[in-house]
Amino acid sequence: MSRNIAVGIDIGTYQIKVVVAEQIHEDDKTYPRILGTGFVESKGLRHGYITNISEVSRGLRLALNQAEKTSGIQIKRAYVSIGSIGLSGIISNGLVMISRADSEITALDTQKSIDVAREEIPPALSQNRRIIYEIPIKYKVDGKEVMGNHPLGMKSVKLEVRALFITCLEHHLKDLVEAVEETGVEVIDIVAAPIAASFVTLSKTQRVAGCVLANIGSETVSIVVFEDNKPVSLEVFPIGSTDITNDIALGLRIPLEEAENIKLGSITSTNYPKKKLDEIVSARLSDMFELIDAHLKKIGKNGLLPAGIIITGGGSSLASIEDFARSSLKLPSKIAHIIFPEKEKGKIKDAFFAVALGLCIWGWNEDEDSTGRLIMGSPVKIFSAVKDWLRPFLP
């Protein structure tokens, strides 16, 4: 029997991470077994997007070599995340008349409604952007909301859809694919980093009740909002934990390396007034959570997500960030942990590899199910078109 092995590549501003995982079926359960990992410090990125393709490819080769050595698997193809500023979710609505004489809704009608919603996106929002996948959030038949995931088989005169389109800047996507394929690895699919992380850090209960997953990275904060088991909004902000380091360095007039160690708690010197340090960190955290709160207000979800905010990324290790998020957003708050079988948890460091592992989960869910493709619609088809568009630019 052939092994079902997937590889996830997470290229972040601070680190490049690779996970090689195998899908295991045991006792009527399916879970990922980590075969190997690799990670190196990133170079050639700014706010999540690539500024130097050669430097990124060089670092990725090192991470791939580590993962190949620890897993014993030669990496030829992989799923890759994108999480740069410019990654964004756009909500749009589409309405179509039912095509069949008996008024029964078919898959053709649902796709037409999504196509219309895509066409309704204002040019100002779509210029220089590429849709990497589309997610139907809500359907209405003759003005009445459909209870369930789809309206197939129902009868009506008209069908409406409210859809979320995940987009990224075209040149960011081109540079990302080129950097990966320069190492000799084929890109199978591109996945938004916040979505990938959600596969292994959020439970179905949290996604159904309503929650926001916030990834506090080095130079970006990315969020994805879930409700009724579907992502309903996604955004990336150009602020991150490095800004806290810079603020500490300026405020205390110390080298950046020392400021980073103080931020992470590895230096607890009494030479610096704790009150001033707390004020510096709190001011920047306020900026971050004000951006998140403003976005939640924009989509009408502030204070209305029962499962609260779940925090991941390097910034989640900051002391008291959980309490700060709770008081700022008026929501339950917790630090993300990978939802994983106990015997496998020791093979990865908490949520450190969440995005890369989530990419592997994405890869296994070729068919529609509750954790993957049903939520995402038809990303493979869309990414195929993206690769066709990119081909003239690739070596």
Protein backbone atom coordinates (compact mmCIF):
# COMPACT_ATOMS: atom_id res chain seq x y z
CA MET A 1 0.00 0.00 0.00
CA SER A 2 1.41 3.41 -0.99
CA ARG A 3 2.07 5.92 1.76
CA ASN A 4 0.10 9.17 1.79
CA ILE A 5 2.86 11.71 2.44
CA ALA A 6 2.53 15.48 2.12
CA VAL A 7 5.02 18.33 2.47
CA GLY A 8 4.19 21.82 3.75
CA ILE A 9 6.43 24.87 3.24
CA ASP A 10 5.84 27.97 5.37
CA ILE A 11 8.01 30.91 4.23
CA GLY A 12 7.73 33.61 6.87
CA THR A 13 9.58 36.86 7.44
CA TYR A 14 11.44 35.45 10.44
CA GLN A 15 11.80 31.76 9.62
CA ILE A 16 11.27 29.22 6.85
CA LYS A 17 9.67 26.00 8.08
CA VAL A 18 9.16 22.67 6.34
CA VAL A 19 7.12 19.69 7.57
CA VAL A 20 7.00 16.21 6.04
CA ALA A 21 4.01 14.27 7.38
CA GLU A 22 2.26 10.99 6.67
CA GLN A 23 -1.47 10.41 6.96
CA ILE A 24 -2.07 7.53 9.38
CA HIS A 25 -5.29 5.52 9.75
CA GLU A 26 -5.53 3.82 13.12
CA ASP A 27 -8.48 2.66 15.26
CA ASP A 28 -10.98 4.27 12.88
CA LYS A 29 -9.17 7.59 13.27
CA THR A 30 -6.98 9.58 10.90
CA TYR A 31 -4.11 11.73 12.09
CA PRO A 32 -0.80 13.12 10.79
CA ARG A 33 2.50 11.53 11.75
CA ILE A 34 5.46 13.89 11.57
CA LEU A 35 8.29 12.26 9.61
CA GLY A 36 10.65 15.21 9.46
CA THR A 37 11.00 18.95 9.88
CA GLY A 38 13.37 21.70 8.84
CA PHE A 39 13.69 25.36 9.69
CA VAL A 40 16.14 28.18 9.08
CA GLU A 41 16.24 31.91 9.68
CA SER A 42 14.65 33.81 6.80
CA LYS A 43 16.44 36.32 4.62
CA GLY A 44 15.10 38.29 1.69
CA LEU A 45 11.60 39.00 3.02
CA ARG A 46 9.79 42.07 4.31
CA HIS A 47 6.31 42.04 5.87
CA GLY A 48 5.88 38.49 4.56
CA TYR A 49 6.60 39.19 0.90
CA ILE A 50 9.80 38.34 -0.96
CA THR A 51 12.32 41.08 -1.70
CA ASN A 52 15.18 38.80 -2.79
CA ILE A 53 14.22 35.55 -4.52
CA SER A 54 17.74 34.09 -4.48
CA GLU A 55 18.16 34.58 -0.73
CA VAL A 56 14.80 32.95 -0.03
CA SER A 57 15.61 30.00 -2.31
CA ARG A 58 18.98 29.57 -0.62
CA GLY A 59 17.39 29.44 2.83
CA LEU A 60 14.61 27.14 1.65
CA ARG A 61 17.15 24.65 0.28
CA LEU A 62 18.71 24.41 3.76
CA ALA A 63 15.32 23.82 5.40
CA LEU A 64 14.40 21.24 2.74
CA ASN A 65 17.71 19.42 3.29
CA GLN A 66 17.01 19.23 7.03
CA ALA A 67 13.52 17.87 6.42
CA GLU A 68 14.79 15.31 3.90
CA LYS A 69 17.49 14.06 6.29
CA THR A 70 15.15 13.69 9.26
CA SER A 71 12.34 12.10 7.23
CA GLY A 72 14.30 10.01 4.77
CA ILE A 73 12.00 11.36 2.04
CA GLN A 74 13.14 13.15 -1.11
CA ILE A 75 10.99 16.27 -1.47
CA LYS A 76 9.81 16.91 -5.03
CA ARG A 77 6.40 18.55 -4.55
CA ALA A 78 4.92 20.65 -1.75
CA TYR A 79 2.04 22.80 -0.56
CA VAL A 80 3.10 26.38 0.12
CA SER A 81 1.59 29.10 2.30
CA ILE A 82 1.25 32.79 1.53
CA GLY A 83 0.85 35.26 4.39
CA SER A 84 2.23 38.59 3.26
CA ILE A 85 0.61 41.99 3.50
CA GLY A 86 -1.62 42.23 0.48
CA LEU A 87 -3.28 38.92 1.35
CA SER A 88 -6.89 39.83 1.96
CA GLY A 89 -10.47 38.62 1.93
CA ILE A 90 -13.13 40.35 -0.18
CA ILE A 91 -16.85 39.80 0.40
CA SER A 92 -19.12 39.95 -2.65
CA ASN A 93 -22.69 38.92 -3.52
CA GLY A 94 -24.04 37.25 -6.64
CA LEU A 95 -27.59 36.60 -7.88
CA VAL A 96 -28.73 34.32 -10.73
CA MET A 97 -32.01 32.98 -12.08
CA ILE A 98 -32.38 29.19 -11.96
CA SER A 99 -31.71 27.62 -15.36
CA ARG A 100 -33.78 24.42 -15.25
CA ALA A 101 -37.43 24.34 -16.28
CA ASP A 102 -38.38 22.47 -13.10
CA SER A 103 -36.62 25.19 -10.99
CA GLU A 104 -34.29 22.68 -9.32
CA ILE A 105 -30.94 24.16 -8.25
CA THR A 106 -27.89 22.40 -9.69
CA ALA A 107 -24.15 22.74 -9.23
CA LEU A 108 -24.12 24.83 -12.40
CA ASP A 109 -26.41 27.38 -10.73
CA THR A 110 -24.27 27.61 -7.59
CA GLN A 111 -21.12 28.09 -9.67
CA LYS A 112 -22.84 30.74 -11.78
CA SER A 113 -23.84 32.63 -8.64
CA ILE A 114 -20.22 32.59 -7.43
CA ASP A 115 -19.04 33.72 -10.88
CA VAL A 116 -21.45 36.67 -10.70
CA ALA A 117 -20.21 37.52 -7.19
CA ARG A 118 -16.65 37.51 -8.52
CA GLU A 119 -17.63 39.83 -11.37
CA GLU A 120 -19.26 42.20 -8.86
CA ILE A 121 -15.95 42.85 -7.05
CA PRO A 122 -15.10 46.53 -7.67
CA PRO A 123 -12.05 47.05 -9.93
CA ALA A 124 -10.43 49.17 -7.22
CA LEU A 125 -10.33 46.07 -4.98
CA SER A 126 -9.24 43.57 -7.64
CA GLN A 127 -6.61 45.53 -9.57
CA ASN A 128 -3.19 43.81 -9.53
CA ARG A 129 -4.68 41.02 -7.44
CA ARG A 130 -5.20 37.32 -8.00
CA ILE A 131 -8.03 35.28 -6.49
CA ILE A 132 -6.44 32.14 -5.05
CA TYR A 133 -9.74 30.62 -3.92
CA GLU A 134 -13.36 31.36 -3.22
CA ILE A 135 -15.59 30.37 -0.32
CA PRO A 136 -19.40 30.47 -0.47
CA ILE A 137 -20.48 31.70 2.97
CA LYS A 138 -24.25 31.85 2.67
CA TYR A 139 -26.91 31.01 0.09
CA LYS A 140 -30.45 32.35 -0.26
CA VAL A 141 -33.25 30.86 -2.36
CA ASP A 142 -35.99 33.33 -3.27
CA GLY A 143 -34.74 35.61 -0.49
CA LYS A 144 -34.74 32.95 2.24
CA GLU A 145 -31.48 31.83 3.83
CA VAL A 146 -30.49 28.21 3.19
CA MET A 147 -29.90 26.18 6.34
CA GLY A 148 -26.91 24.01 5.47
CA ASN A 149 -23.81 24.06 3.30
CA HIS A 150 -25.48 24.21 -0.12
CA PRO A 151 -28.86 24.59 -1.87
CA LEU A 152 -28.45 21.71 -4.35
CA GLY A 153 -31.75 19.96 -5.11
CA MET A 154 -33.88 22.77 -3.71
CA LYS A 155 -36.35 24.58 -5.97
CA SER A 156 -36.53 28.33 -6.48
CA VAL A 157 -36.73 31.08 -9.06
CA LYS A 158 -33.53 32.85 -8.02
CA LEU A 159 -30.39 31.98 -6.10
CA GLU A 160 -28.19 34.39 -4.16
CA VAL A 161 -24.75 33.79 -2.70
CA ARG A 162 -22.54 35.71 -0.29
CA ALA A 163 -18.96 34.65 -0.93
CA LEU A 164 -15.50 35.32 0.46
CA PHE A 165 -12.75 35.67 -2.13
CA ILE A 166 -9.20 35.27 -0.83
CA THR A 167 -6.84 37.40 -2.90
CA CYS A 168 -3.17 38.29 -2.96
CA LEU A 169 -1.01 40.69 -4.93
CA GLU A 170 -0.01 39.16 -8.27
CA HIS A 171 3.69 39.99 -8.00
CA HIS A 172 3.89 38.55 -4.47
CA LEU A 173 2.44 35.27 -5.74
CA LYS A 174 4.77 35.18 -8.73
CA ASP A 175 7.87 35.74 -6.56
CA LEU A 176 6.78 33.09 -4.04
CA VAL A 177 6.25 30.38 -6.65
CA GLU A 178 9.50 31.28 -8.40
CA ALA A 179 11.49 31.12 -5.13
CA VAL A 180 10.15 27.65 -4.32
CA GLU A 181 10.48 26.19 -7.82
CA GLU A 182 14.05 27.54 -8.03
CA THR A 183 14.92 24.83 -5.48
CA GLY A 184 13.55 22.13 -7.78
CA VAL A 185 10.36 21.64 -5.75
CA GLU A 186 7.04 21.82 -7.58
CA VAL A 187 4.31 23.95 -6.00
CA ILE A 188 1.13 21.85 -5.86
CA ASP A 189 -1.10 24.46 -4.26
CA ILE A 190 -0.97 27.87 -2.59
CA VAL A 191 -2.84 28.29 0.70
CA ALA A 192 -3.40 31.39 2.82
CA ALA A 193 -1.27 30.94 5.95
CA PRO A 194 -4.08 31.81 8.41
CA ILE A 195 -6.33 29.18 6.82
CA ALA A 196 -3.58 26.55 6.94
CA ALA A 197 -2.90 27.24 10.63
CA SER A 198 -6.60 26.93 11.44
CA PHE A 199 -6.65 23.27 10.36
CA VAL A 200 -4.48 22.25 13.32
CA THR A 201 -5.16 24.96 15.93
CA LEU A 202 -8.96 25.29 15.90
CA SER A 203 -11.53 22.69 16.83
CA LYS A 204 -14.75 22.27 14.90
CA THR A 205 -16.59 23.50 18.01
CA GLN A 206 -14.64 26.77 17.92
CA ARG A 207 -15.17 27.23 14.18
CA VAL A 208 -18.90 26.61 14.45
CA ALA A 209 -19.45 28.86 17.50
CA GLY A 210 -17.41 31.72 16.02
CA CYS A 211 -13.82 32.73 16.69
CA VAL A 212 -10.86 34.68 15.36
CA LEU A 213 -7.45 33.08 14.91
CA ALA A 214 -4.68 35.68 15.16
CA ASN A 215 -1.15 34.87 14.04
CA ILE A 216 1.26 37.42 15.50
CA GLY A 217 4.33 37.09 13.34
CA SER A 218 7.57 38.99 13.11
CA GLU A 219 6.34 41.79 10.83
CA THR A 220 2.67 40.95 10.25
CA VAL A 221 -0.46 40.10 12.19
CA SER A 222 -2.84 37.93 10.21
CA ILE A 223 -6.37 37.05 11.26
CA VAL A 224 -9.09 34.75 9.99
CA VAL A 225 -12.61 34.86 11.41
CA PHE A 226 -14.74 31.72 11.51
CA GLU A 227 -18.48 31.32 11.97
CA ASP A 228 -20.73 28.31 11.26
CA ASN A 229 -17.59 26.30 10.46
CA LYS A 230 -16.61 28.62 7.59
CA PRO A 231 -14.06 31.42 7.27
CA VAL A 232 -16.03 34.65 6.84
CA SER A 233 -13.18 37.16 6.83
CA LEU A 234 -9.39 37.31 6.46
CA GLU A 235 -6.92 40.17 6.79
CA VAL A 236 -3.20 40.84 7.25
CA PHE A 237 -1.85 43.92 9.05
CA PRO A 238 1.69 45.38 8.60
CA ILE A 239 2.64 45.20 12.26
CA GLY A 240 4.34 42.46 14.27
CA SER A 241 6.42 41.43 17.24
CA THR A 242 9.55 42.98 15.71
CA ASP A 243 7.92 46.36 16.26
CA ILE A 244 7.87 45.58 19.99
CA THR A 245 11.59 44.77 19.87
CA ASN A 246 12.31 48.05 18.08
CA ASP A 247 10.22 50.00 20.61
CA ILE A 248 12.10 48.42 23.53
CA ALA A 249 15.45 49.21 21.90
CA LEU A 250 14.47 52.85 21.39
CA GLY A 251 12.73 53.27 24.73
CA LEU A 252 15.52 51.74 26.81
CA ARG A 253 18.34 52.79 24.43
CA ILE A 254 19.79 49.31 24.16
CA PRO A 255 20.97 47.09 21.25
CA LEU A 256 18.31 45.23 19.27
CA GLU A 257 19.66 41.82 20.33
CA GLU A 258 19.28 42.74 23.99
CA ALA A 259 15.82 44.19 23.37
CA GLU A 260 14.73 40.93 21.70
CA ASN A 261 15.94 38.88 24.68
CA ILE A 262 14.11 41.17 27.10
CA LYS A 263 10.93 40.85 25.04
CA LEU A 264 11.15 37.06 25.11
CA GLY A 265 11.85 37.05 28.85
CA SER A 266 15.30 35.46 28.56
CA ILE A 267 16.79 38.55 30.26
CA THR A 268 15.21 39.61 33.54
CA SER A 269 17.73 42.27 34.53
CA THR A 270 16.70 44.80 37.16
CA ASN A 271 18.71 47.47 35.30
CA TYR A 272 15.58 48.46 33.40
CA PRO A 273 12.46 49.82 35.12
CA LYS A 274 9.71 47.23 34.78
CA LYS A 275 7.01 49.90 34.65
CA LYS A 276 8.59 51.57 31.63
CA LEU A 277 9.10 48.22 29.88
CA ASP A 278 5.47 47.28 30.47
CA GLU A 279 4.33 50.63 29.08
CA ILE A 280 6.40 50.13 25.92
CA VAL A 281 5.06 46.63 25.27
CA SER A 282 1.47 47.57 26.14
CA ALA A 283 1.49 50.53 23.75
CA ARG A 284 2.44 48.35 20.77
CA LEU A 285 0.07 45.54 21.77
CA SER A 286 -2.69 48.16 21.93
CA ASP A 287 -1.92 49.08 18.33
CA MET A 288 -2.21 45.43 17.27
CA PHE A 289 -5.46 44.70 19.02
CA GLU A 290 -7.01 48.01 17.97
CA LEU A 291 -6.48 46.91 14.35
CA ILE A 292 -8.08 43.54 15.07
CA ASP A 293 -10.99 45.15 16.93
CA ALA A 294 -11.55 47.67 14.13
CA HIS A 295 -11.72 44.82 11.62
CA LEU A 296 -14.20 42.91 13.77
CA LYS A 297 -16.35 46.05 14.03
CA LYS A 298 -16.17 46.46 10.25
CA ILE A 299 -17.64 42.98 9.71
CA GLY A 300 -20.08 43.28 12.63
CA LYS A 301 -18.42 40.65 14.84
CA ASN A 302 -16.78 42.66 17.63
CA GLY A 303 -17.68 41.14 20.98
CA LEU A 304 -19.83 38.53 19.21
CA LEU A 305 -17.52 35.53 18.83
CA PRO A 306 -18.30 33.01 21.62
CA ALA A 307 -15.10 31.00 21.10
CA GLY A 308 -13.10 34.23 21.32
CA ILE A 309 -9.62 34.90 20.01
CA ILE A 310 -7.00 32.17 19.65
CA ILE A 311 -3.44 33.50 19.39
CA THR A 312 -0.59 31.80 17.56
CA GLY A 313 2.72 32.82 15.99
CA GLY A 314 5.95 33.94 17.64
CA GLY A 315 4.21 36.86 19.34
CA SER A 316 1.97 34.48 21.27
CA SER A 317 4.89 33.79 23.63
CA LEU A 318 4.77 37.34 25.01
CA ALA A 319 3.95 37.42 28.70
CA SER A 320 0.37 38.45 29.52
CA ILE A 321 -0.69 38.68 25.85
CA GLU A 322 -3.64 36.40 26.60
CA ASP A 323 -4.98 38.76 29.28
CA PHE A 324 -4.26 41.78 27.10
CA ALA A 325 -6.28 40.33 24.22
CA ARG A 326 -9.15 39.46 26.55
CA SER A 327 -9.42 42.98 27.95
CA SER A 328 -8.87 44.73 24.60
CA LEU A 329 -11.39 42.76 22.54
CA LYS A 330 -13.87 41.86 25.31
CA LEU A 331 -13.66 38.25 24.14
CA PRO A 332 -12.47 34.94 25.58
CA SER A 333 -8.77 34.51 24.85
CA LYS A 334 -6.34 31.61 24.71
CA ILE A 335 -2.97 30.64 23.24
CA ALA A 336 -3.19 28.21 20.33
CA HIS A 337 -2.07 24.62 20.70
CA ILE A 338 -1.94 22.05 17.95
CA ILE A 339 -4.91 19.69 18.10
CA PHE A 340 -2.94 16.49 17.83
CA PRO A 341 -2.71 12.91 19.17
CA GLU A 342 -0.71 12.85 22.40
CA LYS A 343 1.89 10.41 21.04
CA GLU A 344 2.71 12.78 18.17
CA LYS A 345 2.80 16.07 20.10
CA GLY A 346 6.40 15.69 21.22
CA LYS A 347 7.66 15.69 17.65
CA ILE A 348 6.90 19.36 17.06
CA LYS A 349 7.25 22.40 19.27
CA ASP A 350 3.74 23.47 20.23
CA ALA A 351 2.24 25.61 17.43
CA PHE A 352 5.65 26.47 15.96
CA PHE A 353 4.98 24.38 12.83
CA ALA A 354 1.22 25.03 12.73
CA VAL A 355 1.12 26.56 9.24
CA ALA A 356 3.43 23.98 7.66
CA LEU A 357 1.55 21.09 9.26
CA GLY A 358 -1.78 22.63 8.28
CA LEU A 359 -0.57 22.65 4.68
CA CYS A 360 -0.10 18.87 4.89
CA ILE A 361 -3.67 18.49 6.20
CA TRP A 362 -4.86 20.60 3.27
CA GLY A 363 -3.02 18.29 0.89
CA TRP A 364 -4.72 15.18 2.21
CA ASN A 365 -8.20 16.61 1.96
CA GLU A 366 -8.58 16.25 -1.78
CA ASP A 367 -12.25 15.41 -1.37
CA GLU A 368 -14.87 17.53 0.33
CA ASP A 369 -15.05 17.11 4.08
CA SER A 370 -15.63 19.11 7.23
CA THR A 371 -12.01 20.15 7.73
CA GLY A 372 -10.74 20.95 4.30
CA ARG A 373 -12.08 21.25 0.81
CA LEU A 374 -15.73 21.71 1.68
CA ILE A 375 -14.77 24.87 3.53
CA MET A 376 -12.48 26.05 0.78
CA GLY A 377 -14.53 25.33 -2.34
CA SER A 378 -12.36 24.41 -5.33
CA PRO A 379 -8.86 25.77 -4.66
CA VAL A 380 -7.06 23.20 -6.81
CA LYS A 381 -8.98 24.28 -9.89
CA ILE A 382 -8.34 27.93 -9.14
CA PHE A 383 -4.65 27.40 -8.40
CA SER A 384 -4.28 25.50 -11.67
CA ALA A 385 -5.39 28.68 -13.41
CA VAL A 386 -2.97 30.68 -11.27
CA LYS A 387 -0.09 28.44 -12.37
CA ASP A 388 -1.11 28.83 -16.02
CA TRP A 389 -0.95 32.59 -15.51
CA LEU A 390 2.45 32.35 -13.82
CA ARG A 391 4.05 30.00 -16.35
CA PRO A 392 5.42 32.69 -18.71
CA PHE A 393 7.28 34.28 -15.78
CA LEU A 394 8.90 31.08 -14.50
CA PRO A 395 12.32 29.84 -15.67
